[in-house]
Amino acid sequence: MVHAESPVVPDMGWRLTAGGRLSPEAWEEAVAEGGPGYRAGNLLVERGRLSRGELELCHLSALFDAAYFVLSPLDRSQHAPDRFLGEARHWLGPIRPVPVPVLQREVGRRRRLLERAWPCPEVDAAPVVPVSDGDRGGPGPASGRQAVLAAADGVRTPVQIARALGRSAFATLLDVRRLAAAGLVRTPRADAPALPGPPPPTAPEISLLYRIRDALEAL
């Protein structure tokens, strides 16, 4: 698997530019010149905009991020897709593919991380509401979560905060759950966090992964 997209996940361009690693002009130039010929990634490396390692790490992070939200939709009424585009080429150019078992393990690992952090999935899609200073107890958040807390305005959801900060949507989601567990943001309900519900249906996910596996083996 070389590519996945989700409307709730900031793509590579947004991450690199919103985070300040690249200027919007440098990104747009590489996409415009190299995208049609599948050379955008090579142009960024050749022109010294990114190292090869940075490019691959950013691609891998974006791929895992999007794949998680495609296979685990925030809207519980949606289902994972049961089809994919075979033999697709990434417009960045040659990209290291991710084996299906690795993708499957990563999705499962992320689900477990969220569950251990705070077993209340209601916070995942709700506006993030900070607790007032007078209501807080204990130490403040770790440095990695301070930016998320600062961006929480009672209106933005976790994925909207991720887009505003130009960072991983999953990492932001995990930070919000940890902030909720620390009592620094409110949960959508005033009572204790909900007990874990039954896992989402796995049949569509397994079907998708098997189809990807079969296509990769056929290449």
N, C-alpha and C. Protein backbone atom coordinates (compact mmCIF):
# COMPACT_ATOMS: atom_id res chain seq x y z
N MET A 1 0.85 -1.18 0.00
CA MET A 1 0.00 0.00 0.00
C MET A 1 0.90 1.24 0.00
N VAL A 2 0.60 2.20 -0.89
CA VAL A 2 1.45 3.39 -0.98
C VAL A 2 0.70 4.68 -0.69
N HIS A 3 -0.64 4.63 -0.63
CA HIS A 3 -1.36 5.89 -0.46
C HIS A 3 -2.73 5.64 0.15
N ALA A 4 -3.15 6.56 1.01
CA ALA A 4 -4.50 6.55 1.58
C ALA A 4 -4.90 7.99 1.82
N GLU A 5 -6.17 8.27 1.66
CA GLU A 5 -6.68 9.63 1.86
C GLU A 5 -7.90 9.60 2.77
N SER A 6 -8.02 10.61 3.61
CA SER A 6 -9.20 10.78 4.45
C SER A 6 -9.45 12.28 4.57
N PRO A 7 -10.70 12.71 4.46
CA PRO A 7 -10.98 14.15 4.55
C PRO A 7 -10.70 14.74 5.92
N VAL A 8 -10.56 13.91 6.95
CA VAL A 8 -10.32 14.44 8.29
C VAL A 8 -8.83 14.55 8.61
N VAL A 9 -7.96 14.11 7.70
CA VAL A 9 -6.53 14.06 7.99
C VAL A 9 -5.78 15.10 7.17
N PRO A 10 -4.96 15.94 7.81
CA PRO A 10 -4.11 16.86 7.04
C PRO A 10 -3.16 16.07 6.14
N ASP A 11 -3.08 16.46 4.86
CA ASP A 11 -2.21 15.73 3.95
C ASP A 11 -0.76 16.19 4.13
N MET A 12 0.13 15.61 3.33
CA MET A 12 1.55 15.91 3.49
C MET A 12 1.84 17.39 3.27
N GLY A 13 1.23 17.97 2.24
CA GLY A 13 1.49 19.38 1.96
C GLY A 13 1.08 20.27 3.10
N TRP A 14 -0.07 19.99 3.67
CA TRP A 14 -0.56 20.83 4.78
C TRP A 14 0.34 20.67 6.01
N ARG A 15 0.76 19.46 6.29
CA ARG A 15 1.64 19.23 7.44
C ARG A 15 2.96 19.99 7.29
N LEU A 16 3.54 19.87 6.10
CA LEU A 16 4.86 20.47 5.89
C LEU A 16 4.80 21.99 5.87
N THR A 17 3.72 22.54 5.34
CA THR A 17 3.65 24.00 5.24
C THR A 17 3.08 24.64 6.50
N ALA A 18 2.03 24.05 7.08
CA ALA A 18 1.47 24.62 8.31
C ALA A 18 2.45 24.51 9.46
N GLY A 19 3.26 23.44 9.45
CA GLY A 19 4.26 23.28 10.49
C GLY A 19 5.51 24.11 10.27
N GLY A 20 5.61 24.77 9.11
CA GLY A 20 6.75 25.65 8.86
C GLY A 20 7.96 24.96 8.25
N ARG A 21 7.85 23.67 7.95
CA ARG A 21 9.01 22.99 7.37
C ARG A 21 9.26 23.43 5.94
N LEU A 22 8.19 23.68 5.18
CA LEU A 22 8.31 24.18 3.81
C LEU A 22 7.42 25.41 3.66
N SER A 23 7.80 26.28 2.75
CA SER A 23 6.90 27.39 2.41
C SER A 23 5.82 26.86 1.47
N PRO A 24 4.63 27.45 1.50
CA PRO A 24 3.60 27.02 0.56
C PRO A 24 4.06 27.10 -0.89
N GLU A 25 4.88 28.10 -1.20
CA GLU A 25 5.36 28.28 -2.57
C GLU A 25 6.25 27.11 -2.99
N ALA A 26 7.14 26.66 -2.07
CA ALA A 26 8.03 25.55 -2.40
C ALA A 26 7.25 24.26 -2.64
N TRP A 27 6.23 24.04 -1.82
CA TRP A 27 5.41 22.83 -2.00
C TRP A 27 4.63 22.88 -3.30
N GLU A 28 3.98 24.01 -3.56
CA GLU A 28 3.17 24.14 -4.77
C GLU A 28 4.03 24.03 -6.02
N GLU A 29 5.24 24.57 -5.96
CA GLU A 29 6.15 24.48 -7.10
C GLU A 29 6.50 23.03 -7.41
N ALA A 30 6.83 22.26 -6.36
CA ALA A 30 7.20 20.85 -6.57
C ALA A 30 6.02 20.05 -7.11
N VAL A 31 4.82 20.31 -6.59
CA VAL A 31 3.64 19.57 -7.04
C VAL A 31 3.31 19.92 -8.48
N ALA A 32 3.39 21.21 -8.81
CA ALA A 32 3.05 21.65 -10.17
C ALA A 32 4.05 21.11 -11.19
N GLU A 33 5.33 21.15 -10.85
CA GLU A 33 6.35 20.72 -11.80
C GLU A 33 6.53 19.20 -11.85
N GLY A 34 6.51 18.58 -10.69
CA GLY A 34 6.83 17.15 -10.64
C GLY A 34 5.66 16.22 -10.51
N GLY A 35 4.50 16.73 -10.05
CA GLY A 35 3.35 15.86 -9.85
C GLY A 35 2.91 15.09 -11.07
N PRO A 36 2.73 15.75 -12.23
CA PRO A 36 2.27 15.01 -13.42
C PRO A 36 3.23 13.91 -13.86
N GLY A 37 4.51 14.08 -13.58
CA GLY A 37 5.49 13.06 -13.96
C GLY A 37 5.93 12.19 -12.81
N TYR A 38 5.21 12.22 -11.71
CA TYR A 38 5.53 11.42 -10.53
C TYR A 38 6.95 11.71 -10.03
N ARG A 39 7.30 13.01 -9.98
CA ARG A 39 8.64 13.39 -9.54
C ARG A 39 8.63 14.45 -8.46
N ALA A 40 7.48 14.75 -7.86
CA ALA A 40 7.41 15.84 -6.88
C ALA A 40 8.33 15.58 -5.70
N GLY A 41 8.35 14.35 -5.21
CA GLY A 41 9.22 14.04 -4.09
C GLY A 41 10.69 14.18 -4.44
N ASN A 42 11.06 13.69 -5.62
CA ASN A 42 12.46 13.81 -6.04
C ASN A 42 12.88 15.26 -6.19
N LEU A 43 12.00 16.12 -6.69
CA LEU A 43 12.33 17.53 -6.83
C LEU A 43 12.58 18.17 -5.47
N LEU A 44 11.77 17.83 -4.48
CA LEU A 44 11.97 18.39 -3.15
C LEU A 44 13.32 17.99 -2.58
N VAL A 45 13.72 16.74 -2.82
CA VAL A 45 15.01 16.26 -2.32
C VAL A 45 16.15 16.88 -3.12
N GLU A 46 16.04 16.88 -4.46
CA GLU A 46 17.11 17.41 -5.31
C GLU A 46 17.38 18.88 -5.05
N ARG A 47 16.36 19.63 -4.73
CA ARG A 47 16.51 21.07 -4.48
C ARG A 47 16.82 21.41 -3.03
N GLY A 48 17.03 20.38 -2.23
CA GLY A 48 17.42 20.59 -0.84
C GLY A 48 16.30 21.05 0.06
N ARG A 49 15.05 20.90 -0.39
CA ARG A 49 13.92 21.31 0.45
C ARG A 49 13.70 20.33 1.60
N LEU A 50 13.88 19.03 1.30
CA LEU A 50 13.72 17.97 2.29
C LEU A 50 14.81 16.93 2.07
N SER A 51 15.17 16.23 3.14
CA SER A 51 16.04 15.06 2.96
C SER A 51 15.16 13.87 2.56
N ARG A 52 15.80 12.84 2.00
CA ARG A 52 15.04 11.65 1.63
C ARG A 52 14.37 11.04 2.85
N GLY A 53 15.07 11.04 3.98
CA GLY A 53 14.49 10.50 5.20
C GLY A 53 13.27 11.28 5.66
N GLU A 54 13.35 12.60 5.60
CA GLU A 54 12.20 13.43 5.98
C GLU A 54 11.00 13.14 5.09
N LEU A 55 11.26 13.02 3.80
CA LEU A 55 10.17 12.76 2.86
C LEU A 55 9.49 11.43 3.17
N GLU A 56 10.28 10.38 3.38
CA GLU A 56 9.70 9.07 3.64
C GLU A 56 8.99 9.03 4.98
N LEU A 57 9.54 9.72 5.98
CA LEU A 57 8.90 9.73 7.30
C LEU A 57 7.57 10.47 7.25
N CYS A 58 7.54 11.59 6.55
CA CYS A 58 6.30 12.35 6.42
C CYS A 58 5.25 11.55 5.65
N HIS A 59 5.68 10.88 4.59
CA HIS A 59 4.75 10.04 3.81
C HIS A 59 4.19 8.91 4.66
N LEU A 60 5.06 8.25 5.41
CA LEU A 60 4.62 7.12 6.23
C LEU A 60 3.65 7.58 7.30
N SER A 61 3.94 8.71 7.94
CA SER A 61 3.05 9.24 8.96
C SER A 61 1.68 9.59 8.38
N ALA A 62 1.68 10.24 7.21
CA ALA A 62 0.42 10.61 6.57
C ALA A 62 -0.36 9.38 6.13
N LEU A 63 0.34 8.36 5.65
CA LEU A 63 -0.31 7.12 5.21
C LEU A 63 -0.98 6.42 6.39
N PHE A 64 -0.25 6.23 7.48
CA PHE A 64 -0.82 5.56 8.65
C PHE A 64 -1.99 6.37 9.23
N ASP A 65 -1.83 7.69 9.23
CA ASP A 65 -2.87 8.56 9.76
C ASP A 65 -4.16 8.39 8.96
N ALA A 66 -4.05 8.51 7.64
CA ALA A 66 -5.24 8.42 6.80
C ALA A 66 -5.83 7.02 6.85
N ALA A 67 -4.99 5.99 6.81
CA ALA A 67 -5.49 4.62 6.83
C ALA A 67 -6.25 4.34 8.11
N TYR A 68 -5.79 4.88 9.23
CA TYR A 68 -6.51 4.65 10.49
C TYR A 68 -7.92 5.21 10.42
N PHE A 69 -8.07 6.44 9.93
CA PHE A 69 -9.39 7.06 9.91
C PHE A 69 -10.28 6.49 8.81
N VAL A 70 -9.67 5.95 7.75
CA VAL A 70 -10.47 5.28 6.72
C VAL A 70 -11.03 3.97 7.29
N LEU A 71 -10.21 3.23 8.03
CA LEU A 71 -10.62 1.94 8.57
C LEU A 71 -11.37 2.06 9.90
N SER A 72 -11.25 3.21 10.56
CA SER A 72 -11.95 3.45 11.84
C SER A 72 -12.63 4.80 11.77
N PRO A 73 -13.71 4.93 10.99
CA PRO A 73 -14.35 6.25 10.81
C PRO A 73 -14.83 6.84 12.13
N LEU A 74 -14.67 8.17 12.28
CA LEU A 74 -15.17 8.84 13.47
C LEU A 74 -16.70 8.78 13.52
N ASP A 75 -17.32 8.83 12.37
CA ASP A 75 -18.77 8.69 12.28
C ASP A 75 -19.10 7.20 12.34
N ARG A 76 -19.67 6.77 13.45
CA ARG A 76 -19.91 5.34 13.68
C ARG A 76 -20.92 4.76 12.69
N SER A 77 -21.65 5.62 12.00
CA SER A 77 -22.62 5.10 11.03
C SER A 77 -21.96 4.74 9.71
N GLN A 78 -20.70 5.15 9.53
CA GLN A 78 -19.98 4.83 8.31
C GLN A 78 -19.23 3.52 8.46
N HIS A 79 -18.91 2.92 7.34
CA HIS A 79 -18.18 1.66 7.34
C HIS A 79 -16.89 1.81 6.55
N ALA A 80 -15.94 0.97 6.89
CA ALA A 80 -14.68 0.97 6.14
C ALA A 80 -14.96 0.57 4.70
N PRO A 81 -14.21 1.10 3.75
CA PRO A 81 -14.44 0.76 2.33
C PRO A 81 -14.11 -0.69 2.05
N ASP A 82 -14.76 -1.23 1.04
CA ASP A 82 -14.49 -2.62 0.66
C ASP A 82 -13.84 -2.72 -0.71
N ARG A 83 -13.26 -1.61 -1.18
CA ARG A 83 -12.56 -1.65 -2.45
C ARG A 83 -11.39 -0.69 -2.39
N PHE A 84 -10.46 -0.81 -3.35
CA PHE A 84 -9.31 0.07 -3.42
C PHE A 84 -8.85 0.13 -4.87
N LEU A 85 -7.98 1.07 -5.14
CA LEU A 85 -7.44 1.24 -6.48
C LEU A 85 -6.13 0.48 -6.60
N GLY A 86 -6.12 -0.54 -7.39
CA GLY A 86 -4.93 -1.35 -7.54
C GLY A 86 -3.93 -0.74 -8.50
N GLU A 87 -2.65 -1.07 -8.30
CA GLU A 87 -1.56 -0.64 -9.16
C GLU A 87 -1.47 0.88 -9.29
N ALA A 88 -1.85 1.59 -8.23
CA ALA A 88 -1.77 3.05 -8.25
C ALA A 88 -0.33 3.50 -8.03
N ARG A 89 0.04 4.60 -8.66
CA ARG A 89 1.35 5.22 -8.44
C ARG A 89 1.16 6.48 -7.63
N HIS A 90 2.03 6.70 -6.66
CA HIS A 90 1.94 7.91 -5.85
C HIS A 90 2.53 9.07 -6.63
N TRP A 91 1.83 10.20 -6.61
CA TRP A 91 2.30 11.34 -7.40
C TRP A 91 3.61 11.91 -6.88
N LEU A 92 4.03 11.52 -5.66
CA LEU A 92 5.33 11.97 -5.16
C LEU A 92 6.47 11.31 -5.92
N GLY A 93 6.22 10.13 -6.48
CA GLY A 93 7.27 9.36 -7.15
C GLY A 93 7.48 8.06 -6.41
N PRO A 94 8.65 7.43 -6.58
CA PRO A 94 8.91 6.16 -5.91
C PRO A 94 8.78 6.30 -4.39
N ILE A 95 7.89 5.53 -3.80
CA ILE A 95 7.62 5.58 -2.37
C ILE A 95 7.68 4.16 -1.82
N ARG A 96 8.26 4.03 -0.63
CA ARG A 96 8.36 2.71 -0.02
C ARG A 96 6.95 2.20 0.36
N PRO A 97 6.51 1.07 -0.19
CA PRO A 97 5.17 0.56 0.14
C PRO A 97 5.13 -0.02 1.55
N VAL A 98 3.94 -0.05 2.10
CA VAL A 98 3.73 -0.60 3.44
C VAL A 98 3.00 -1.94 3.30
N PRO A 99 3.58 -3.03 3.77
CA PRO A 99 2.90 -4.33 3.69
C PRO A 99 1.59 -4.31 4.47
N VAL A 100 0.62 -5.04 4.01
CA VAL A 100 -0.69 -5.07 4.65
C VAL A 100 -0.62 -5.51 6.11
N PRO A 101 0.15 -6.55 6.48
CA PRO A 101 0.22 -6.93 7.90
C PRO A 101 0.74 -5.79 8.79
N VAL A 102 1.68 -5.00 8.27
CA VAL A 102 2.20 -3.87 9.04
C VAL A 102 1.10 -2.83 9.24
N LEU A 103 0.35 -2.55 8.20
CA LEU A 103 -0.75 -1.60 8.30
C LEU A 103 -1.80 -2.10 9.29
N GLN A 104 -2.12 -3.37 9.23
CA GLN A 104 -3.12 -3.94 10.13
C GLN A 104 -2.66 -3.84 11.58
N ARG A 105 -1.39 -4.14 11.85
CA ARG A 105 -0.87 -4.03 13.22
C ARG A 105 -0.90 -2.60 13.71
N GLU A 106 -0.56 -1.66 12.83
CA GLU A 106 -0.53 -0.26 13.24
C GLU A 106 -1.93 0.25 13.58
N VAL A 107 -2.93 -0.11 12.79
CA VAL A 107 -4.30 0.30 13.08
C VAL A 107 -4.74 -0.25 14.43
N GLY A 108 -4.44 -1.53 14.68
CA GLY A 108 -4.80 -2.13 15.97
C GLY A 108 -4.07 -1.49 17.13
N ARG A 109 -2.80 -1.17 16.93
CA ARG A 109 -2.02 -0.52 17.98
C ARG A 109 -2.61 0.84 18.35
N ARG A 110 -3.03 1.59 17.34
CA ARG A 110 -3.59 2.90 17.59
C ARG A 110 -4.93 2.81 18.34
N ARG A 111 -5.72 1.83 18.00
CA ARG A 111 -6.98 1.65 18.72
C ARG A 111 -6.71 1.36 20.20
N ARG A 112 -5.72 0.53 20.47
CA ARG A 112 -5.40 0.20 21.86
C ARG A 112 -4.85 1.40 22.61
N LEU A 113 -4.05 2.23 21.95
CA LEU A 113 -3.53 3.43 22.59
C LEU A 113 -4.65 4.37 23.03
N LEU A 114 -5.63 4.56 22.15
CA LEU A 114 -6.75 5.43 22.49
C LEU A 114 -7.54 4.86 23.66
N GLU A 115 -7.77 3.57 23.65
CA GLU A 115 -8.56 2.93 24.70
C GLU A 115 -7.86 3.05 26.06
N ARG A 116 -6.54 2.86 26.05
CA ARG A 116 -5.80 2.95 27.31
C ARG A 116 -5.74 4.40 27.81
N ALA A 117 -5.68 5.34 26.89
CA ALA A 117 -5.57 6.74 27.30
C ALA A 117 -6.82 7.23 28.00
N TRP A 118 -7.99 6.92 27.44
CA TRP A 118 -9.26 7.40 28.00
C TRP A 118 -10.39 6.70 27.27
N PRO A 119 -11.09 5.78 27.92
CA PRO A 119 -12.10 4.97 27.24
C PRO A 119 -13.42 5.70 27.03
N CYS A 120 -13.35 6.84 26.37
CA CYS A 120 -14.55 7.64 26.11
C CYS A 120 -14.47 8.16 24.68
N PRO A 121 -14.91 7.38 23.69
CA PRO A 121 -14.78 7.79 22.29
C PRO A 121 -15.60 9.02 21.93
N GLU A 122 -16.50 9.46 22.83
CA GLU A 122 -17.29 10.66 22.52
C GLU A 122 -16.42 11.90 22.32
N VAL A 123 -15.24 11.93 22.95
CA VAL A 123 -14.39 13.12 22.82
C VAL A 123 -13.76 13.21 21.43
N ASP A 124 -13.76 12.11 20.66
CA ASP A 124 -13.04 12.09 19.39
C ASP A 124 -13.63 13.04 18.36
N ALA A 125 -14.95 13.21 18.37
CA ALA A 125 -15.60 14.01 17.33
C ALA A 125 -16.26 15.26 17.88
N ALA A 126 -16.17 15.47 19.19
CA ALA A 126 -16.84 16.62 19.82
C ALA A 126 -15.90 17.82 19.90
N PRO A 127 -16.43 19.04 20.00
CA PRO A 127 -15.57 20.21 20.24
C PRO A 127 -14.77 20.02 21.53
N VAL A 128 -13.52 20.46 21.50
CA VAL A 128 -12.65 20.32 22.66
C VAL A 128 -12.82 21.56 23.53
N VAL A 129 -13.35 21.35 24.73
CA VAL A 129 -13.67 22.45 25.65
C VAL A 129 -12.69 22.42 26.81
N PRO A 130 -11.81 23.40 26.94
CA PRO A 130 -10.86 23.41 28.06
C PRO A 130 -11.60 23.62 29.38
N VAL A 131 -11.05 23.03 30.42
CA VAL A 131 -11.55 23.26 31.77
C VAL A 131 -10.95 24.55 32.28
N SER A 132 -11.73 25.39 32.94
CA SER A 132 -11.21 26.66 33.44
C SER A 132 -10.13 26.41 34.48
N ASP A 133 -9.23 27.39 34.61
CA ASP A 133 -8.10 27.23 35.53
C ASP A 133 -8.57 26.91 36.94
N GLY A 134 -9.68 27.50 37.33
CA GLY A 134 -10.16 27.28 38.69
C GLY A 134 -10.66 25.88 38.93
N ASP A 135 -11.01 25.18 37.85
CA ASP A 135 -11.54 23.81 37.97
C ASP A 135 -10.46 22.76 37.81
N ARG A 136 -9.25 23.18 37.46
CA ARG A 136 -8.20 22.22 37.20
C ARG A 136 -7.56 21.74 38.49
N GLY A 137 -7.12 20.51 38.47
CA GLY A 137 -6.37 19.97 39.58
C GLY A 137 -5.15 19.26 39.07
N GLY A 138 -4.10 19.21 39.89
CA GLY A 138 -2.89 18.51 39.49
C GLY A 138 -2.03 19.34 38.57
N PRO A 139 -0.93 18.74 38.06
CA PRO A 139 0.00 19.45 37.20
C PRO A 139 -0.58 19.73 35.83
N GLY A 140 0.05 20.65 35.10
CA GLY A 140 -0.38 20.98 33.75
C GLY A 140 0.00 19.88 32.78
N PRO A 141 -0.38 20.04 31.53
CA PRO A 141 -0.10 19.00 30.53
C PRO A 141 1.37 18.94 30.18
N ALA A 142 1.80 17.79 29.67
CA ALA A 142 3.15 17.67 29.16
C ALA A 142 3.32 18.60 27.97
N SER A 143 4.55 18.93 27.67
CA SER A 143 4.83 19.93 26.64
C SER A 143 4.22 19.57 25.30
N GLY A 144 4.18 18.26 24.99
CA GLY A 144 3.64 17.84 23.70
C GLY A 144 2.16 18.10 23.54
N ARG A 145 1.44 18.33 24.64
CA ARG A 145 -0.01 18.56 24.58
C ARG A 145 -0.39 20.01 24.84
N GLN A 146 0.56 20.84 25.15
CA GLN A 146 0.25 22.24 25.44
C GLN A 146 -0.31 22.96 24.23
N ALA A 147 0.24 22.68 23.05
CA ALA A 147 -0.24 23.34 21.83
C ALA A 147 -1.68 22.93 21.54
N VAL A 148 -2.01 21.67 21.78
CA VAL A 148 -3.38 21.20 21.56
C VAL A 148 -4.33 21.91 22.51
N LEU A 149 -3.94 22.00 23.77
CA LEU A 149 -4.79 22.68 24.76
C LEU A 149 -4.94 24.16 24.43
N ALA A 150 -3.86 24.79 23.96
CA ALA A 150 -3.93 26.20 23.61
C ALA A 150 -4.85 26.44 22.41
N ALA A 151 -4.94 25.46 21.51
CA ALA A 151 -5.78 25.60 20.32
C ALA A 151 -7.23 25.23 20.58
N ALA A 152 -7.51 24.65 21.75
CA ALA A 152 -8.88 24.25 22.08
C ALA A 152 -9.68 25.49 22.47
N ASP A 153 -10.70 25.79 21.67
CA ASP A 153 -11.49 27.00 21.90
C ASP A 153 -12.96 26.70 22.17
N GLY A 154 -13.28 25.43 22.41
CA GLY A 154 -14.66 25.07 22.65
C GLY A 154 -15.47 24.89 21.38
N VAL A 155 -14.86 25.13 20.23
CA VAL A 155 -15.54 25.01 18.94
C VAL A 155 -14.86 23.96 18.07
N ARG A 156 -13.53 23.99 18.01
CA ARG A 156 -12.81 23.04 17.18
C ARG A 156 -12.87 21.63 17.74
N THR A 157 -13.00 20.67 16.83
CA THR A 157 -12.90 19.27 17.18
C THR A 157 -11.43 18.86 17.14
N PRO A 158 -11.08 17.66 17.62
CA PRO A 158 -9.67 17.24 17.55
C PRO A 158 -9.08 17.29 16.14
N VAL A 159 -9.83 16.84 15.13
CA VAL A 159 -9.26 16.84 13.78
C VAL A 159 -9.14 18.27 13.24
N GLN A 160 -10.00 19.18 13.66
CA GLN A 160 -9.87 20.57 13.25
C GLN A 160 -8.67 21.22 13.92
N ILE A 161 -8.38 20.84 15.15
CA ILE A 161 -7.18 21.32 15.84
C ILE A 161 -5.94 20.80 15.13
N ALA A 162 -5.98 19.53 14.72
CA ALA A 162 -4.84 18.95 13.99
C ALA A 162 -4.57 19.73 12.71
N ARG A 163 -5.62 20.07 12.00
CA ARG A 163 -5.45 20.82 10.75
C ARG A 163 -4.89 22.22 11.03
N ALA A 164 -5.38 22.87 12.09
CA ALA A 164 -4.90 24.21 12.43
C ALA A 164 -3.41 24.20 12.80
N LEU A 165 -2.98 23.11 13.44
CA LEU A 165 -1.59 23.02 13.89
C LEU A 165 -0.69 22.36 12.86
N GLY A 166 -1.28 21.74 11.81
CA GLY A 166 -0.48 21.05 10.82
C GLY A 166 0.22 19.83 11.38
N ARG A 167 -0.50 19.07 12.18
CA ARG A 167 0.10 17.88 12.79
C ARG A 167 -0.78 16.67 12.58
N SER A 168 -0.30 15.52 13.01
CA SER A 168 -1.03 14.27 12.84
C SER A 168 -2.40 14.32 13.50
N ALA A 169 -3.43 13.89 12.77
CA ALA A 169 -4.77 13.87 13.34
C ALA A 169 -4.86 12.83 14.45
N PHE A 170 -4.22 11.68 14.26
CA PHE A 170 -4.29 10.66 15.31
C PHE A 170 -3.56 11.12 16.56
N ALA A 171 -2.36 11.70 16.40
CA ALA A 171 -1.61 12.17 17.56
C ALA A 171 -2.41 13.22 18.33
N THR A 172 -3.12 14.08 17.60
CA THR A 172 -3.95 15.09 18.25
C THR A 172 -5.11 14.44 18.98
N LEU A 173 -5.71 13.44 18.35
CA LEU A 173 -6.80 12.70 18.99
C LEU A 173 -6.32 12.05 20.29
N LEU A 174 -5.14 11.46 20.25
CA LEU A 174 -4.59 10.82 21.44
C LEU A 174 -4.30 11.86 22.51
N ASP A 175 -3.77 13.01 22.12
CA ASP A 175 -3.52 14.08 23.09
C ASP A 175 -4.81 14.55 23.75
N VAL A 176 -5.88 14.66 22.96
CA VAL A 176 -7.15 15.10 23.53
C VAL A 176 -7.66 14.08 24.55
N ARG A 177 -7.54 12.81 24.24
CA ARG A 177 -7.98 11.80 25.20
C ARG A 177 -7.15 11.87 26.48
N ARG A 178 -5.85 12.10 26.34
CA ARG A 178 -5.00 12.21 27.53
C ARG A 178 -5.30 13.47 28.31
N LEU A 179 -5.62 14.55 27.63
CA LEU A 179 -6.02 15.77 28.32
C LEU A 179 -7.33 15.55 29.06
N ALA A 180 -8.24 14.80 28.45
CA ALA A 180 -9.51 14.49 29.12
C ALA A 180 -9.27 13.64 30.36
N ALA A 181 -8.37 12.67 30.25
CA ALA A 181 -8.06 11.81 31.39
C ALA A 181 -7.43 12.61 32.52
N ALA A 182 -6.69 13.66 32.18
CA ALA A 182 -6.05 14.51 33.18
C ALA A 182 -6.99 15.57 33.73
N GLY A 183 -8.22 15.63 33.22
CA GLY A 183 -9.18 16.61 33.70
C GLY A 183 -8.96 18.01 33.16
N LEU A 184 -8.26 18.13 32.03
CA LEU A 184 -7.94 19.44 31.47
C LEU A 184 -8.90 19.86 30.36
N VAL A 185 -9.64 18.92 29.80
CA VAL A 185 -10.70 19.26 28.85
C VAL A 185 -11.94 18.47 29.25
N ARG A 186 -13.09 19.01 28.92
CA ARG A 186 -14.34 18.37 29.30
C ARG A 186 -14.71 17.27 28.31
N THR A 187 -15.39 16.27 28.82
CA THR A 187 -15.96 15.25 27.96
C THR A 187 -17.36 15.71 27.57
N PRO A 188 -17.93 15.18 26.49
CA PRO A 188 -19.27 15.61 26.08
C PRO A 188 -20.34 15.34 27.12
N ARG A 189 -20.06 14.44 28.07
CA ARG A 189 -21.02 14.14 29.12
C ARG A 189 -20.40 14.45 30.47
N ALA A 190 -21.23 14.76 31.43
CA ALA A 190 -20.73 15.16 32.75
C ALA A 190 -20.40 13.97 33.63
N ASP A 191 -20.89 12.78 33.28
CA ASP A 191 -20.65 11.62 34.12
C ASP A 191 -19.32 10.97 33.77
N ALA A 192 -19.05 9.83 34.35
CA ALA A 192 -17.78 9.13 34.14
C ALA A 192 -17.69 8.65 32.70
N PRO A 193 -16.47 8.40 32.24
CA PRO A 193 -16.33 7.94 30.85
C PRO A 193 -17.04 6.64 30.62
N ALA A 194 -17.53 6.50 29.41
CA ALA A 194 -18.27 5.30 29.06
C ALA A 194 -17.35 4.09 29.05
N LEU A 195 -17.91 2.96 29.41
CA LEU A 195 -17.16 1.73 29.29
C LEU A 195 -16.95 1.40 27.83
N PRO A 196 -15.88 0.72 27.51
CA PRO A 196 -15.64 0.41 26.10
C PRO A 196 -16.81 -0.35 25.50
N GLY A 197 -17.26 0.09 24.36
CA GLY A 197 -18.34 -0.59 23.67
C GLY A 197 -17.80 -1.71 22.83
N PRO A 198 -18.66 -2.40 22.14
CA PRO A 198 -18.20 -3.49 21.28
C PRO A 198 -17.35 -2.94 20.15
N PRO A 199 -16.36 -3.66 19.72
CA PRO A 199 -15.50 -3.17 18.63
C PRO A 199 -16.31 -2.98 17.37
N PRO A 200 -15.88 -2.06 16.49
CA PRO A 200 -16.60 -1.86 15.25
C PRO A 200 -16.52 -3.09 14.37
N PRO A 201 -17.46 -3.25 13.47
CA PRO A 201 -17.44 -4.43 12.59
C PRO A 201 -16.11 -4.54 11.86
N THR A 202 -15.58 -5.74 11.80
CA THR A 202 -14.27 -5.93 11.18
C THR A 202 -14.35 -6.50 9.79
N ALA A 203 -15.52 -6.95 9.39
CA ALA A 203 -15.61 -7.60 8.08
C ALA A 203 -15.18 -6.70 6.93
N PRO A 204 -15.66 -5.44 6.84
CA PRO A 204 -15.22 -4.58 5.74
C PRO A 204 -13.72 -4.33 5.78
N GLU A 205 -13.19 -4.16 7.02
CA GLU A 205 -11.76 -3.90 7.14
C GLU A 205 -10.95 -5.08 6.66
N ILE A 206 -11.31 -6.27 7.10
CA ILE A 206 -10.58 -7.46 6.69
C ILE A 206 -10.68 -7.66 5.19
N SER A 207 -11.86 -7.43 4.65
CA SER A 207 -12.04 -7.56 3.20
C SER A 207 -11.10 -6.63 2.45
N LEU A 208 -11.02 -5.38 2.90
CA LEU A 208 -10.14 -4.40 2.25
C LEU A 208 -8.69 -4.85 2.33
N LEU A 209 -8.26 -5.28 3.50
CA LEU A 209 -6.86 -5.67 3.67
C LEU A 209 -6.52 -6.89 2.83
N TYR A 210 -7.43 -7.84 2.73
CA TYR A 210 -7.17 -9.00 1.88
C TYR A 210 -7.06 -8.60 0.42
N ARG A 211 -7.90 -7.66 -0.02
CA ARG A 211 -7.84 -7.22 -1.41
C ARG A 211 -6.52 -6.51 -1.70
N ILE A 212 -6.08 -5.70 -0.76
CA ILE A 212 -4.79 -5.02 -0.94
C ILE A 212 -3.67 -6.04 -0.99
N ARG A 213 -3.71 -7.02 -0.09
CA ARG A 213 -2.68 -8.05 -0.08
C ARG A 213 -2.61 -8.79 -1.41
N ASP A 214 -3.79 -9.19 -1.92
CA ASP A 214 -3.83 -9.94 -3.17
C ASP A 214 -3.29 -9.12 -4.33
N ALA A 215 -3.61 -7.79 -4.31
CA ALA A 215 -3.12 -6.95 -5.40
C ALA A 215 -1.61 -6.78 -5.33
N LEU A 216 -1.07 -6.63 -4.13
CA LEU A 216 0.37 -6.47 -3.98
C LEU A 216 1.09 -7.75 -4.41
N GLU A 217 0.53 -8.89 -4.05
CA GLU A 217 1.17 -10.14 -4.44
C GLU A 217 1.13 -10.35 -5.95
N ALA A 218 0.15 -9.73 -6.62
CA ALA A 218 0.02 -9.90 -8.07
C ALA A 218 0.95 -8.99 -8.86
N LEU A 219 1.56 -8.00 -8.18
CA LEU A 219 2.43 -7.04 -8.91
C LEU A 219 3.72 -7.72 -9.34
